[in-house]
Amino acid sequence: MEHLLSLKYIWASIVYSFIGIIILVLSFWIIEKITPENLYKEILENKNVALAIILSAFMLAIAIIIASAIHG
């Protein structure tokens, strides 16, 4: 019986992880569409470190929000 409960929690963690990743990618895509410049091009080709730091902070903040929503 305990083995079955453990599998249930493992599958729930996997499903919630995938949902969180999808929401994170979707939110990055929305920010990419809202901004006037191509963020990917700006970071890689123009080496804009400030923009890379801001986007990483955004991704971290969204990840924390998703994790706290999933955790409860």
N, C-alpha and C. Protein backbone atom coordinates (compact mmCIF):
# COMPACT_ATOMS: atom_id res chain seq x y z
N MET A 1 0.82 -1.20 0.00
CA MET A 1 0.00 0.00 0.00
C MET A 1 0.87 1.26 0.00
N GLU A 2 1.94 1.25 0.79
CA GLU A 2 2.80 2.42 0.83
C GLU A 2 3.50 2.64 -0.51
N HIS A 3 3.80 1.55 -1.20
CA HIS A 3 4.45 1.66 -2.50
C HIS A 3 3.54 2.38 -3.49
N LEU A 4 2.27 2.11 -3.44
CA LEU A 4 1.31 2.73 -4.33
C LEU A 4 1.18 4.23 -4.03
N LEU A 5 1.19 4.59 -2.75
CA LEU A 5 1.11 6.00 -2.39
C LEU A 5 2.36 6.75 -2.83
N SER A 6 3.50 6.13 -2.74
CA SER A 6 4.74 6.77 -3.16
C SER A 6 4.72 7.06 -4.65
N LEU A 7 4.23 6.11 -5.44
CA LEU A 7 4.15 6.33 -6.87
C LEU A 7 3.19 7.46 -7.22
N LYS A 8 2.13 7.58 -6.46
CA LYS A 8 1.17 8.66 -6.69
C LYS A 8 1.84 10.02 -6.49
N TYR A 9 2.64 10.15 -5.45
CA TYR A 9 3.31 11.41 -5.19
C TYR A 9 4.41 11.68 -6.20
N ILE A 10 5.08 10.66 -6.66
CA ILE A 10 6.11 10.83 -7.68
C ILE A 10 5.50 11.30 -8.98
N TRP A 11 4.40 10.68 -9.40
CA TRP A 11 3.73 11.10 -10.63
C TRP A 11 3.19 12.51 -10.51
N ALA A 12 2.66 12.87 -9.35
CA ALA A 12 2.16 14.23 -9.14
C ALA A 12 3.30 15.24 -9.25
N SER A 13 4.45 14.91 -8.71
CA SER A 13 5.60 15.80 -8.80
C SER A 13 6.05 15.98 -10.24
N ILE A 14 6.05 14.90 -11.00
CA ILE A 14 6.46 14.97 -12.41
C ILE A 14 5.48 15.81 -13.21
N VAL A 15 4.19 15.59 -13.00
CA VAL A 15 3.17 16.35 -13.73
C VAL A 15 3.25 17.83 -13.39
N TYR A 16 3.36 18.15 -12.10
CA TYR A 16 3.45 19.55 -11.70
C TYR A 16 4.74 20.19 -12.21
N SER A 17 5.81 19.43 -12.28
CA SER A 17 7.06 19.97 -12.82
C SER A 17 6.90 20.35 -14.29
N PHE A 18 6.27 19.46 -15.06
CA PHE A 18 6.05 19.77 -16.47
C PHE A 18 5.11 20.96 -16.65
N ILE A 19 4.09 21.05 -15.84
CA ILE A 19 3.18 22.19 -15.90
C ILE A 19 3.94 23.48 -15.57
N GLY A 20 4.79 23.43 -14.56
CA GLY A 20 5.59 24.60 -14.20
C GLY A 20 6.53 25.02 -15.30
N ILE A 21 7.18 24.06 -15.95
CA ILE A 21 8.08 24.37 -17.05
C ILE A 21 7.32 24.98 -18.22
N ILE A 22 6.16 24.45 -18.52
CA ILE A 22 5.35 25.00 -19.61
C ILE A 22 4.93 26.43 -19.30
N ILE A 23 4.52 26.70 -18.09
CA ILE A 23 4.13 28.06 -17.70
C ILE A 23 5.33 29.00 -17.77
N LEU A 24 6.50 28.53 -17.35
CA LEU A 24 7.70 29.35 -17.40
C LEU A 24 8.08 29.71 -18.83
N VAL A 25 8.04 28.73 -19.73
CA VAL A 25 8.36 28.99 -21.13
C VAL A 25 7.31 29.90 -21.76
N LEU A 26 6.06 29.68 -21.44
CA LEU A 26 4.99 30.52 -21.96
C LEU A 26 5.14 31.97 -21.50
N SER A 27 5.46 32.16 -20.24
CA SER A 27 5.64 33.53 -19.75
C SER A 27 6.85 34.20 -20.40
N PHE A 28 7.93 33.46 -20.65
CA PHE A 28 9.08 34.03 -21.36
C PHE A 28 8.68 34.40 -22.78
N TRP A 29 7.89 33.57 -23.45
CA TRP A 29 7.44 33.85 -24.80
C TRP A 29 6.59 35.12 -24.84
N ILE A 30 5.74 35.30 -23.84
CA ILE A 30 4.90 36.50 -23.78
C ILE A 30 5.76 37.74 -23.60
N ILE A 31 6.75 37.68 -22.72
CA ILE A 31 7.65 38.81 -22.52
C ILE A 31 8.43 39.09 -23.81
N GLU A 32 8.83 38.05 -24.51
CA GLU A 32 9.55 38.21 -25.79
C GLU A 32 8.68 38.95 -26.80
N LYS A 33 7.39 38.65 -26.84
CA LYS A 33 6.49 39.30 -27.79
C LYS A 33 6.14 40.73 -27.38
N ILE A 34 6.12 41.02 -26.09
CA ILE A 34 5.76 42.35 -25.62
C ILE A 34 6.89 43.35 -25.86
N THR A 35 8.12 42.94 -25.66
CA THR A 35 9.25 43.87 -25.79
C THR A 35 9.50 44.22 -27.25
N PRO A 36 9.98 45.43 -27.50
CA PRO A 36 10.18 45.86 -28.89
C PRO A 36 11.36 45.18 -29.59
N GLU A 37 12.39 44.79 -28.86
CA GLU A 37 13.56 44.15 -29.45
C GLU A 37 13.47 42.63 -29.31
N ASN A 38 14.21 41.94 -30.15
CA ASN A 38 14.33 40.49 -30.03
C ASN A 38 15.31 40.20 -28.90
N LEU A 39 14.81 39.72 -27.78
CA LEU A 39 15.66 39.54 -26.60
C LEU A 39 16.75 38.50 -26.82
N TYR A 40 16.41 37.43 -27.49
CA TYR A 40 17.38 36.36 -27.74
C TYR A 40 18.55 36.90 -28.57
N LYS A 41 18.23 37.64 -29.61
CA LYS A 41 19.26 38.21 -30.48
C LYS A 41 20.07 39.26 -29.72
N GLU A 42 19.41 40.06 -28.93
CA GLU A 42 20.08 41.12 -28.18
C GLU A 42 21.08 40.55 -27.18
N ILE A 43 20.74 39.45 -26.55
CA ILE A 43 21.63 38.85 -25.55
C ILE A 43 22.79 38.13 -26.23
N LEU A 44 22.51 37.32 -27.25
CA LEU A 44 23.56 36.51 -27.85
C LEU A 44 24.45 37.27 -28.82
N GLU A 45 23.87 38.08 -29.69
CA GLU A 45 24.68 38.76 -30.70
C GLU A 45 25.28 40.06 -30.19
N ASN A 46 24.51 40.83 -29.44
CA ASN A 46 24.99 42.13 -28.97
C ASN A 46 25.63 42.05 -27.58
N LYS A 47 25.61 40.88 -26.98
CA LYS A 47 26.24 40.64 -25.66
C LYS A 47 25.74 41.62 -24.59
N ASN A 48 24.44 41.79 -24.53
CA ASN A 48 23.84 42.69 -23.57
C ASN A 48 23.71 41.97 -22.22
N VAL A 49 24.67 42.21 -21.34
CA VAL A 49 24.72 41.52 -20.05
C VAL A 49 23.60 42.00 -19.13
N ALA A 50 23.30 43.28 -19.17
CA ALA A 50 22.24 43.83 -18.31
C ALA A 50 20.89 43.18 -18.62
N LEU A 51 20.60 43.02 -19.90
CA LEU A 51 19.35 42.38 -20.29
C LEU A 51 19.32 40.92 -19.88
N ALA A 52 20.46 40.25 -19.98
CA ALA A 52 20.54 38.85 -19.55
C ALA A 52 20.29 38.72 -18.06
N ILE A 53 20.81 39.64 -17.27
CA ILE A 53 20.59 39.61 -15.82
C ILE A 53 19.13 39.87 -15.49
N ILE A 54 18.51 40.82 -16.17
CA ILE A 54 17.10 41.12 -15.93
C ILE A 54 16.22 39.93 -16.30
N LEU A 55 16.49 39.30 -17.44
CA LEU A 55 15.70 38.14 -17.85
C LEU A 55 15.91 36.96 -16.92
N SER A 56 17.12 36.77 -16.43
CA SER A 56 17.34 35.67 -15.49
C SER A 56 16.62 35.93 -14.17
N ALA A 57 16.59 37.18 -13.73
CA ALA A 57 15.83 37.51 -12.52
C ALA A 57 14.33 37.28 -12.74
N PHE A 58 13.84 37.64 -13.92
CA PHE A 58 12.44 37.39 -14.26
C PHE A 58 12.12 35.89 -14.23
N MET A 59 12.98 35.10 -14.85
CA MET A 59 12.76 33.65 -14.89
C MET A 59 12.79 33.06 -13.47
N LEU A 60 13.72 33.54 -12.65
CA LEU A 60 13.80 33.06 -11.28
C LEU A 60 12.55 33.44 -10.48
N ALA A 61 12.07 34.67 -10.67
CA ALA A 61 10.87 35.10 -9.96
C ALA A 61 9.65 34.29 -10.38
N ILE A 62 9.49 34.05 -11.67
CA ILE A 62 8.36 33.24 -12.13
C ILE A 62 8.48 31.81 -11.60
N ALA A 63 9.70 31.27 -11.58
CA ALA A 63 9.90 29.92 -11.05
C ALA A 63 9.54 29.84 -9.57
N ILE A 64 9.88 30.86 -8.80
CA ILE A 64 9.52 30.87 -7.37
C ILE A 64 8.00 30.94 -7.20
N ILE A 65 7.36 31.75 -8.00
CA ILE A 65 5.89 31.86 -7.93
C ILE A 65 5.23 30.52 -8.29
N ILE A 66 5.72 29.87 -9.34
CA ILE A 66 5.16 28.58 -9.74
C ILE A 66 5.38 27.53 -8.66
N ALA A 67 6.59 27.52 -8.10
CA ALA A 67 6.92 26.53 -7.05
C ALA A 67 6.05 26.75 -5.82
N SER A 68 5.83 27.98 -5.43
CA SER A 68 4.99 28.22 -4.25
C SER A 68 3.53 27.90 -4.54
N ALA A 69 3.09 28.10 -5.78
CA ALA A 69 1.71 27.75 -6.13
C ALA A 69 1.52 26.24 -6.12
N ILE A 70 2.51 25.51 -6.58
CA ILE A 70 2.42 24.05 -6.60
C ILE A 70 2.54 23.48 -5.19
N HIS A 71 3.43 24.05 -4.41
CA HIS A 71 3.67 23.54 -3.05
C HIS A 71 2.46 23.78 -2.16
N GLY A 72 1.81 24.90 -2.32
CA GLY A 72 0.61 25.16 -1.54
C GLY A 72 0.82 26.13 -0.52
